[in-house]
């Protein structure tokens, strides 16, 4: 996806990047320096934020951000 590539190109300059995926298929697009999660969504929904929040809590990450091309009212 073009937007994921753009986010990757910006984040890779800031530190170590990883990808995380559960057996169920749920994923985190980018984890920066084992602290920050970034999920790229064309149109994010509140459910996307809830799932990501639960995953970062389980992985003991410090924070997360949902990156979107379109503005939305979803927190984060």
Protein backbone atom coordinates (compact mmCIF):
# COMPACT_ATOMS: atom_id res chain seq x y z
CA UNK A 1 0.00 0.00 0.00
CA UNK A 2 1.33 3.40 -0.96
CA UNK A 3 0.46 5.08 2.35
CA UNK A 4 2.21 2.34 4.39
CA UNK A 5 5.32 2.80 2.27
CA UNK A 6 5.26 6.54 2.89
CA UNK A 7 4.96 6.04 6.67
CA UNK A 8 7.76 3.44 6.52
CA UNK A 9 10.05 5.85 4.66
CA UNK A 10 9.54 8.48 7.37
CA UNK A 11 9.79 6.17 10.39
CA UNK A 12 12.87 4.24 9.25
CA UNK A 13 14.96 7.38 9.74
CA UNK A 14 13.89 7.62 13.39
CA UNK A 15 15.05 4.23 14.69
CA UNK A 16 14.55 0.47 14.62
CA UNK A 17 11.33 -0.66 12.95
CA UNK A 18 9.53 -3.95 13.48
CA UNK A 19 6.28 -5.53 12.32
CA UNK A 20 4.02 -7.60 14.58
CA UNK A 21 1.35 -10.12 13.61
CA UNK A 22 -0.63 -12.57 15.71
CA UNK A 23 -1.57 -16.03 14.48
CA UNK A 24 -5.12 -14.71 14.11
CA UNK A 25 -3.88 -12.20 11.53
CA UNK A 26 -4.24 -9.09 13.70
CA UNK A 27 -1.22 -6.90 13.13
CA UNK A 28 0.64 -3.73 13.98
CA UNK A 29 2.13 -2.14 10.87
CA UNK A 30 5.15 -0.58 12.57
CA UNK A 31 6.74 -0.68 16.01
CA UNK A 32 9.40 1.99 16.47
CA UNK A 33 12.24 1.25 18.91
CA UNK A 34 10.07 -1.33 20.71
CA UNK A 35 8.12 1.57 22.28
CA UNK A 36 5.67 3.11 19.80
CA UNK A 37 3.06 1.41 17.61
CA UNK A 38 1.89 2.88 14.31
CA UNK A 39 -1.09 1.52 12.42
CA UNK A 40 -1.84 2.84 8.91
CA UNK A 41 -5.54 2.93 7.96
CA UNK A 42 -7.24 4.53 4.99
CA UNK A 43 -10.43 5.10 7.05
CA UNK A 44 -9.88 4.28 10.73
CA UNK A 45 -12.75 3.30 12.98
CA UNK A 46 -13.11 3.33 16.75
CA UNK A 47 -12.81 -0.48 16.72
CA UNK A 48 -9.35 -0.17 15.09
CA UNK A 49 -8.20 2.05 17.94
CA UNK A 50 -9.62 -0.33 20.59
CA UNK A 51 -7.85 -3.34 19.04
CA UNK A 52 -4.57 -1.46 18.76
CA UNK A 53 -4.83 -0.20 22.35
CA UNK A 54 -5.38 -3.75 23.63
CA UNK A 55 -2.38 -5.01 21.68
CA UNK A 56 -0.02 -2.30 22.89
CA UNK A 57 -1.09 -2.96 26.47
CA UNK A 58 -0.30 -6.67 26.04
CA UNK A 59 3.06 -5.90 24.41
CA UNK A 60 3.95 -3.24 27.02
CA UNK A 61 4.48 -0.53 24.42
CA UNK A 62 4.43 3.09 25.57
CA UNK A 63 2.10 4.66 23.01
CA UNK A 64 0.37 4.26 19.67
CA UNK A 65 -0.78 6.31 16.72
CA UNK A 66 -3.21 5.55 13.91
CA UNK A 67 -2.06 7.23 10.70
CA UNK A 68 -4.78 8.08 8.19
CA UNK A 69 -4.96 9.88 4.88
CA UNK A 70 -8.40 11.25 5.74
CA UNK A 71 -9.20 13.29 8.83
CA UNK A 72 -11.47 11.50 11.29
CA UNK A 73 -12.86 12.10 14.76
CA UNK A 74 -11.31 8.92 16.20
CA UNK A 75 -8.96 9.68 19.09
CA UNK A 76 -5.24 9.05 18.31
